[in-house]
Protein backbone atom coordinates (compact mmCIF):
# COMPACT_ATOMS: atom_id res chain seq x y z
CA MET A 1 -34.12 5.91 -9.89
CA GLN A 2 -36.61 3.18 -9.13
CA ARG A 3 -39.74 3.98 -6.81
CA GLY A 4 -40.15 2.21 -3.29
CA LYS A 5 -43.45 0.34 -3.16
CA ALA A 6 -44.55 1.73 0.48
CA THR A 7 -43.51 5.14 0.12
CA GLY A 8 -43.80 6.25 -3.53
CA LYS A 9 -40.32 7.95 -2.91
CA PRO A 10 -37.48 7.47 -5.07
CA LYS A 11 -35.22 4.46 -4.24
CA PRO A 12 -31.49 5.12 -5.02
CA GLN A 13 -29.61 2.49 -7.05
CA ALA A 14 -26.33 1.31 -6.44
CA SER A 15 -23.67 3.15 -8.35
CA VAL A 16 -20.68 1.28 -7.37
CA THR A 17 -19.27 -1.13 -9.96
CA PRO A 18 -17.97 -4.68 -8.81
CA PRO A 19 -14.44 -5.39 -9.58
CA SER A 20 -14.03 -7.92 -12.76
CA ASP A 21 -11.13 -10.14 -13.49
CA SER A 22 -10.20 -7.71 -16.28
CA ASP A 23 -9.42 -4.89 -13.62
CA SER A 24 -5.99 -4.09 -13.56
CA PRO A 25 -3.83 -2.53 -10.62
CA GLU A 26 -3.33 0.37 -13.00
CA SER A 27 -6.60 1.75 -13.03
CA THR A 28 -7.93 3.87 -9.96
CA PRO A 29 -11.39 4.17 -8.35
CA ASP A 30 -12.96 7.43 -8.07
CA THR A 31 -13.66 7.00 -4.38
CA PRO A 32 -10.98 7.71 -1.68
CA PHE A 33 -9.79 4.61 0.12
CA PRO A 34 -6.95 3.79 2.62
CA ILE A 35 -3.40 3.18 1.40
CA VAL A 36 -1.31 1.04 3.91
CA GLY A 37 2.32 1.49 3.82
CA ILE A 38 3.98 -1.55 5.68
CA GLY A 39 7.80 -1.20 6.45
CA ALA A 40 10.28 -3.97 7.29
CA SER A 41 13.94 -4.50 7.23
CA ALA A 42 15.78 -7.10 4.89
CA GLY A 43 14.81 -9.90 7.39
CA GLY A 44 11.05 -8.82 7.62
CA LEU A 45 9.89 -11.77 5.23
CA ALA A 46 8.16 -13.80 8.39
CA ALA A 47 6.63 -10.58 9.61
CA PHE A 48 5.23 -9.78 6.23
CA GLU A 49 3.82 -13.49 5.97
CA ALA A 50 2.19 -13.24 9.36
CA PHE A 51 0.55 -10.03 8.40
CA PHE A 52 -1.22 -11.31 5.48
CA SER A 53 -1.81 -14.92 6.66
CA GLY A 54 -3.70 -12.83 9.69
CA MET A 55 -6.17 -11.19 7.25
CA PRO A 56 -9.53 -12.64 6.61
CA ALA A 57 -9.20 -14.85 3.60
CA ASP A 58 -13.32 -14.38 2.77
CA SER A 59 -13.49 -10.69 2.26
CA ASP A 60 -11.78 -7.85 0.35
CA PRO A 61 -10.35 -5.28 2.66
CA GLY A 62 -11.08 -2.05 0.43
CA MET A 63 -7.54 -0.82 0.85
CA ALA A 64 -4.08 -1.04 -0.84
CA PHE A 65 -1.03 -2.43 0.50
CA VAL A 66 2.45 -0.91 -0.41
CA LEU A 67 5.35 -3.14 1.08
CA VAL A 68 8.72 -1.23 1.41
CA GLN A 69 11.59 -3.60 2.54
CA HIS A 70 15.09 -2.87 2.91
CA LEU A 71 16.68 -5.03 -0.17
CA ALA A 72 19.94 -5.70 -1.53
CA PRO A 73 20.29 -3.51 -4.38
CA ASP A 74 22.04 -6.31 -6.70
CA HIS A 75 19.49 -9.08 -6.05
CA LYS A 76 15.95 -9.48 -7.84
CA SER A 77 13.37 -9.74 -5.12
CA ILE A 78 11.19 -12.88 -4.79
CA LEU A 79 8.69 -11.14 -2.24
CA PRO A 80 5.84 -10.65 -4.55
CA ASP A 81 5.83 -14.28 -5.29
CA LEU A 82 6.35 -15.21 -1.77
CA ILE A 83 3.69 -12.87 -0.46
CA GLN A 84 1.22 -14.11 -3.06
CA ARG A 85 1.00 -17.43 -1.16
CA TYR A 86 -0.43 -15.65 1.78
CA THR A 87 -3.41 -13.50 0.19
CA ARG A 88 -5.96 -13.62 -2.45
CA MET A 89 -5.08 -10.01 -3.38
CA ARG A 90 -3.14 -9.47 -6.39
CA VAL A 91 0.42 -8.87 -5.57
CA VAL A 92 2.73 -6.76 -8.14
CA GLU A 93 6.26 -5.34 -7.93
CA VAL A 94 6.00 -1.59 -8.73
CA THR A 95 6.83 0.15 -11.81
CA ASP A 96 7.29 3.66 -12.14
CA GLY A 97 4.10 5.61 -12.13
CA MET A 98 1.89 2.54 -11.29
CA GLU A 99 -1.52 3.52 -10.11
CA VAL A 100 -2.82 2.26 -7.00
CA ARG A 101 -5.73 0.30 -6.65
CA PRO A 102 -7.78 -1.05 -3.56
CA ASN A 103 -7.24 -5.02 -2.62
CA CYS A 104 -3.92 -5.26 -4.32
CA VAL A 105 -0.58 -5.28 -2.72
CA TYR A 106 2.57 -3.46 -4.39
CA VAL A 107 6.06 -4.27 -3.51
CA ILE A 108 9.18 -1.76 -3.94
CA PRO A 109 11.65 -3.03 -6.72
CA PRO A 110 15.42 -3.40 -5.28
CA SER A 111 17.64 -0.27 -5.61
CA ARG A 112 14.98 2.22 -5.64
CA GLN A 113 13.16 4.88 -3.56
CA MET A 114 9.45 5.01 -3.88
CA ALA A 115 6.99 8.09 -3.37
CA PHE A 116 3.31 7.98 -3.50
CA LEU A 117 2.20 11.17 -5.50
CA HIS A 118 -1.50 11.83 -6.70
CA GLY A 119 -2.64 8.39 -6.74
CA ARG A 120 0.46 6.93 -8.31
CA LEU A 121 3.81 5.21 -7.12
CA GLU A 122 6.98 6.90 -8.48
CA LEU A 123 10.51 5.38 -8.43
CA LEU A 124 13.46 7.19 -7.73
CA PRO A 125 17.25 6.10 -7.73
CA PRO A 126 18.35 6.44 -4.01
CA SER A 127 19.99 9.68 -3.16
CA GLU A 128 21.85 8.50 -0.26
CA PRO A 129 24.66 5.91 -0.24
CA ARG A 130 23.77 2.13 0.74
CA GLY A 131 23.73 2.09 4.70
CA GLN A 132 22.20 5.31 5.16
CA ARG A 133 18.85 5.00 3.07
CA LEU A 134 15.70 5.22 5.15
CA PRO A 135 13.25 4.05 2.29
CA ILE A 136 10.25 3.41 5.05
CA ASP A 137 10.55 7.03 6.09
CA PHE A 138 10.66 8.34 2.60
CA PHE A 139 7.81 6.30 1.59
CA PHE A 140 5.41 7.23 4.61
CA ARG A 141 6.33 10.82 4.19
CA SER A 142 5.06 11.14 0.77
CA LEU A 143 2.01 9.03 1.76
CA ALA A 144 1.08 11.19 4.44
CA GLN A 145 1.31 14.51 2.28
CA ASN A 146 -0.87 13.01 -0.26
CA GLN A 147 -3.32 10.68 1.66
CA HIS A 148 -3.63 12.55 4.93
CA GLU A 149 -6.53 10.61 6.89
CA TYR A 150 -6.28 7.73 4.17
CA ALA A 151 -2.72 6.97 5.29
CA ILE A 152 -1.91 3.96 7.27
CA GLY A 153 1.84 3.14 8.54
CA VAL A 154 2.70 0.12 9.73
CA VAL A 155 6.39 -0.74 10.94
CA LEU A 156 6.84 -4.50 11.44
CA ALA A 157 10.70 -4.32 11.60
CA GLY A 158 13.19 -1.49 10.84
CA THR A 159 16.67 -0.77 10.45
CA GLY A 160 17.85 1.56 13.19
CA SER A 161 15.61 4.33 13.07
CA ASP A 162 13.91 4.06 9.60
CA GLY A 163 10.03 4.52 9.79
CA THR A 164 10.16 6.83 12.87
CA LEU A 165 10.02 10.19 11.01
CA GLY A 166 7.37 8.90 8.56
CA VAL A 167 5.22 7.44 11.31
CA ARG A 168 5.29 10.92 12.81
CA ALA A 169 4.26 12.71 9.57
CA ILE A 170 1.44 10.51 9.00
CA LYS A 171 0.01 11.00 12.47
CA ALA A 172 0.42 14.72 11.76
CA GLU A 173 -1.90 14.36 8.93
CA GLY A 174 -4.52 12.35 10.84
CA GLY A 175 -3.64 8.88 9.61
CA MET A 176 -3.28 5.80 11.58
CA VAL A 177 0.10 4.05 12.45
CA MET A 178 0.95 0.87 13.93
CA ALA A 179 4.35 -0.75 14.98
């Protein structure tokens, strides 16, 4: 602690370590931060692009963004490459057990369900047949249970009612939702 000049009282020093280029999306900070789950149907690319192009380009938001999209199970997703064009944040496709960091964008891979558990994104094989899957609800409910008031749910476009139950779960835990 340094002493302040005018009062002689201890002056607190900052304990926040600024991010560096060596920081990876796999390491987690000690302080809680909001995690924004964003759901969209297969045709939601334009909505994702509009969302990220509307964010301030000159500052970090201090939160993580997790994109859950209805994807064709047999096609490789190019969503991370497309979203990277609209944000300076790091954009990655999720791998099983990946830790979540602020100022990063995480994209669900095809043919997987995703849950947020204890600071990590867990990938699971789909339990329902194609056409009956609700990946947005599945992710939002796990986000609500683990993040409580730090959970944010955004539904840009959905298939049927996917996202409805997850939005209710986030609200019930004190989080914020937008549609």
